[in-house]
Amino acid sequence: MANTRLTRRQVLALGLGSAALPSPFIGGERAMADTPPDTVVYVSNAASKEIYVLAMNRDGGDLIMSDKVPVPGTDKPSPASMPMAVTPDHRFLYAALRSDSFPVSCFAISPMSGRLTHLS
């Protein structure tokens, strides 16, 4: 997916902010495609059952969408929200759907880019 630059205001205007979890990474000075981001923000979208992976530049606050990850589970959208939690060691992210059978998905977090890989 091509990188899309979004501001914090645009993310809120799109209604993508049901839950955002910052995840700090040791990395480069700027959030660019070639260097690791200063901060990675995960935003869940319950309607589409996706998690948006955004790299944030701490100096300017610019957000760059680096990935869109589908959350498997039921065919129905999560009605109100899609809660997420990051483990204390920042290695895994858990996302729960709030529809029948209430599945929870586990994702591995890449330490260099912050991208998510579905595990179970």
C-alpha atoms as a PDB file:
ATOM      1  CA  MET A   1       0.000   0.000   0.000  1.00  0.00           C
ATOM      2  CA  ALA A   2       1.308   3.458  -0.822  1.00  0.00           C
ATOM      3  CA  ASN A   3       2.095   5.710   2.118  1.00  0.00           C
ATOM      4  CA  THR A   4      -0.587   8.296   2.789  1.00  0.00           C
ATOM      5  CA  ARG A   5       0.234  11.369   4.887  1.00  0.00           C
ATOM      6  CA  LEU A   6      -2.489  12.313   7.395  1.00  0.00           C
ATOM      7  CA  THR A   7      -2.585  14.917  10.121  1.00  0.00           C
ATOM      8  CA  ARG A   8      -4.033  14.165  13.550  1.00  0.00           C
ATOM      9  CA  ARG A   9      -7.009  16.369  12.716  1.00  0.00           C
ATOM     10  CA  GLN A  10      -7.709  14.377   9.510  1.00  0.00           C
ATOM     11  CA  VAL A  11      -7.627  11.077  11.425  1.00  0.00           C
ATOM     12  CA  LEU A  12     -10.200  12.401  13.882  1.00  0.00           C
ATOM     13  CA  ALA A  13     -12.326  13.850  11.057  1.00  0.00           C
ATOM     14  CA  LEU A  14     -12.391  10.454   9.326  1.00  0.00           C
ATOM     15  CA  GLY A  15     -13.777   8.888  12.498  1.00  0.00           C
ATOM     16  CA  LEU A  16     -10.899   6.447  12.735  1.00  0.00           C
ATOM     17  CA  GLY A  17     -10.197   7.118  16.388  1.00  0.00           C
ATOM     18  CA  SER A  18     -12.096   4.393  18.266  1.00  0.00           C
ATOM     19  CA  ALA A  19      -8.885   3.450  20.091  1.00  0.00           C
ATOM     20  CA  ALA A  20      -5.322   4.554  19.618  1.00  0.00           C
ATOM     21  CA  LEU A  21      -2.352   2.949  21.311  1.00  0.00           C
ATOM     22  CA  PRO A  22       1.053   4.589  21.055  1.00  0.00           C
ATOM     23  CA  SER A  23       3.995   2.230  20.769  1.00  0.00           C
ATOM     24  CA  PRO A  24       7.456   3.818  21.042  1.00  0.00           C
ATOM     25  CA  PHE A  25      10.308   2.406  18.982  1.00  0.00           C
ATOM     26  CA  ILE A  26      13.997   3.188  18.936  1.00  0.00           C
ATOM     27  CA  GLY A  27      14.614   4.607  15.533  1.00  0.00           C
ATOM     28  CA  GLY A  28      15.470   7.442  13.224  1.00  0.00           C
ATOM     29  CA  GLU A  29      14.882  11.110  13.747  1.00  0.00           C
ATOM     30  CA  ARG A  30      11.957  11.455  11.308  1.00  0.00           C
ATOM     31  CA  ALA A  31       8.952   9.292  10.445  1.00  0.00           C
ATOM     32  CA  MET A  32       9.872   8.526   6.853  1.00  0.00           C
ATOM     33  CA  ALA A  33       9.508   5.351   4.808  1.00  0.00           C
ATOM     34  CA  ASP A  34      13.282   4.713   4.814  1.00  0.00           C
ATOM     35  CA  THR A  35      13.853   5.019   8.560  1.00  0.00           C
ATOM     36  CA  PRO A  36      12.073   3.499  11.560  1.00  0.00           C
ATOM     37  CA  PRO A  37       9.371   5.827  12.946  1.00  0.00           C
ATOM     38  CA  ASP A  38       9.706   7.664  16.267  1.00  0.00           C
ATOM     39  CA  THR A  39       6.238   6.502  17.315  1.00  0.00           C
ATOM     40  CA  VAL A  40       3.734   4.064  15.839  1.00  0.00           C
ATOM     41  CA  VAL A  41       0.019   4.575  16.479  1.00  0.00           C
ATOM     42  CA  TYR A  42      -2.555   1.817  16.007  1.00  0.00           C
ATOM     43  CA  VAL A  43      -6.110   2.958  15.277  1.00  0.00           C
ATOM     44  CA  SER A  44      -9.006   0.511  15.083  1.00  0.00           C
ATOM     45  CA  ASN A  45     -11.946   0.962  12.721  1.00  0.00           C
ATOM     46  CA  ALA A  46     -14.827  -1.162  14.013  1.00  0.00           C
ATOM     47  CA  ALA A  47     -17.006  -0.626  10.925  1.00  0.00           C
ATOM     48  CA  SER A  48     -14.449  -2.070   8.492  1.00  0.00           C
ATOM     49  CA  LYS A  49     -12.773  -4.428  11.010  1.00  0.00           C
ATOM     50  CA  GLU A  50      -9.324  -2.999  10.200  1.00  0.00           C
ATOM     51  CA  ILE A  51      -6.393  -1.652  12.172  1.00  0.00           C
ATOM     52  CA  TYR A  52      -4.577   1.331  10.684  1.00  0.00           C
ATOM     53  CA  VAL A  53      -0.840   1.474  11.345  1.00  0.00           C
ATOM     54  CA  LEU A  54       0.316   5.100  11.422  1.00  0.00           C
ATOM     55  CA  ALA A  55       3.890   6.351  11.821  1.00  0.00           C
ATOM     56  CA  MET A  56       4.057   9.628  13.730  1.00  0.00           C
ATOM     57  CA  ASN A  57       6.806  12.216  13.578  1.00  0.00           C
ATOM     58  CA  ARG A  58       7.134  13.585  17.122  1.00  0.00           C
ATOM     59  CA  ASP A  59       8.520  16.945  16.005  1.00  0.00           C
ATOM     60  CA  GLY A  60       5.740  17.923  13.612  1.00  0.00           C
ATOM     61  CA  GLY A  61       2.995  15.472  14.599  1.00  0.00           C
ATOM     62  CA  ASP A  62       2.630  14.303  10.985  1.00  0.00           C
ATOM     63  CA  LEU A  63       1.062  10.873  10.550  1.00  0.00           C
ATOM     64  CA  ILE A  64       1.876   8.558   7.656  1.00  0.00           C
ATOM     65  CA  MET A  65      -0.364   5.548   7.111  1.00  0.00           C
ATOM     66  CA  SER A  66       2.008   2.661   6.567  1.00  0.00           C
ATOM     67  CA  ASP A  67      -0.424  -0.260   6.632  1.00  0.00           C
ATOM     68  CA  LYS A  68      -4.077  -1.333   6.881  1.00  0.00           C
ATOM     69  CA  VAL A  69      -4.526  -4.743   8.546  1.00  0.00           C
ATOM     70  CA  PRO A  70      -7.816  -6.683   8.442  1.00  0.00           C
ATOM     71  CA  VAL A  71      -8.984  -8.266  11.700  1.00  0.00           C
ATOM     72  CA  PRO A  72     -10.425 -11.740  11.030  1.00  0.00           C
ATOM     73  CA  GLY A  73     -13.507 -12.991  12.839  1.00  0.00           C
ATOM     74  CA  THR A  74     -17.201 -12.823  12.164  1.00  0.00           C
ATOM     75  CA  ASP A  75     -18.735 -11.434   8.981  1.00  0.00           C
ATOM     76  CA  LYS A  76     -20.533  -8.698  10.925  1.00  0.00           C
ATOM     77  CA  PRO A  77     -18.832  -5.394  11.768  1.00  0.00           C
ATOM     78  CA  SER A  78     -18.091  -4.678  15.408  1.00  0.00           C
ATOM     79  CA  PRO A  79     -21.106  -2.504  16.430  1.00  0.00           C
ATOM     80  CA  ALA A  80     -19.527   0.078  18.721  1.00  0.00           C
ATOM     81  CA  SER A  81     -15.783  -0.303  19.036  1.00  0.00           C
ATOM     82  CA  MET A  82     -12.857  -2.641  18.551  1.00  0.00           C
ATOM     83  CA  PRO A  83     -10.770  -2.545  21.747  1.00  0.00           C
ATOM     84  CA  MET A  84      -7.035  -3.164  21.467  1.00  0.00           C
ATOM     85  CA  ALA A  85      -4.205  -3.831  23.914  1.00  0.00           C
ATOM     86  CA  VAL A  86      -0.424  -3.912  23.477  1.00  0.00           C
ATOM     87  CA  THR A  87       1.653  -6.193  25.696  1.00  0.00           C
ATOM     88  CA  PRO A  88       4.068  -4.420  28.082  1.00  0.00           C
ATOM     89  CA  ASP A  89       7.086  -5.601  26.058  1.00  0.00           C
ATOM     90  CA  HIS A  90       5.532  -4.120  22.839  1.00  0.00           C
ATOM     91  CA  ARG A  91       5.822  -7.453  21.003  1.00  0.00           C
ATOM     92  CA  PHE A  92       2.115  -8.244  20.527  1.00  0.00           C
ATOM     93  CA  LEU A  93      -1.168  -6.421  19.906  1.00  0.00           C
ATOM     94  CA  TYR A  94      -4.550  -7.948  20.710  1.00  0.00           C
ATOM     95  CA  ALA A  95      -7.764  -6.756  19.025  1.00  0.00           C
ATOM     96  CA  ALA A  96     -11.277  -7.875  19.994  1.00  0.00           C
ATOM     97  CA  LEU A  97     -14.444  -7.737  17.910  1.00  0.00           C
ATOM     98  CA  ARG A  98     -17.671  -6.950  19.736  1.00  0.00           C
ATOM     99  CA  SER A  99     -20.004  -9.135  17.697  1.00  0.00           C
ATOM    100  CA  ASP A 100     -21.309 -12.693  18.237  1.00  0.00           C
ATOM    101  CA  SER A 101     -18.622 -15.190  19.269  1.00  0.00           C
ATOM    102  CA  PHE A 102     -16.488 -12.180  20.377  1.00  0.00           C
ATOM    103  CA  PRO A 103     -13.208 -13.268  18.716  1.00  0.00           C
ATOM    104  CA  VAL A 104      -9.819 -11.904  19.798  1.00  0.00           C
ATOM    105  CA  SER A 105      -6.954 -11.698  17.289  1.00  0.00           C
ATOM    106  CA  CYS A 106      -3.263 -11.624  18.149  1.00  0.00           C
ATOM    107  CA  PHE A 107      -0.738  -9.733  16.004  1.00  0.00           C
ATOM    108  CA  ALA A 108       3.064  -9.663  16.222  1.00  0.00           C
ATOM    109  CA  ILE A 109       4.525  -6.147  16.125  1.00  0.00           C
ATOM    110  CA  SER A 110       7.623  -5.656  13.965  1.00  0.00           C
ATOM    111  CA  PRO A 111      10.270  -3.963  16.162  1.00  0.00           C
ATOM    112  CA  MET A 112      11.709  -2.001  13.219  1.00  0.00           C
ATOM    113  CA  SER A 113       8.601  -0.771  11.392  1.00  0.00           C
ATOM    114  CA  GLY A 114       5.719  -1.327  13.811  1.00  0.00           C
ATOM    115  CA  ARG A 115       3.798  -3.288  11.172  1.00  0.00           C
ATOM    116  CA  LEU A 116       1.445  -6.041  12.282  1.00  0.00           C
ATOM    117  CA  THR A 117       1.525  -9.738  11.372  1.00  0.00           C
ATOM    118  CA  HIS A 118      -1.574 -11.799  12.225  1.00  0.00           C
ATOM    119  CA  LEU A 119      -0.700 -14.814  14.413  1.00  0.00           C
ATOM    120  CA  SER A 120      -4.005 -16.221  15.641  1.00  0.00           C
END
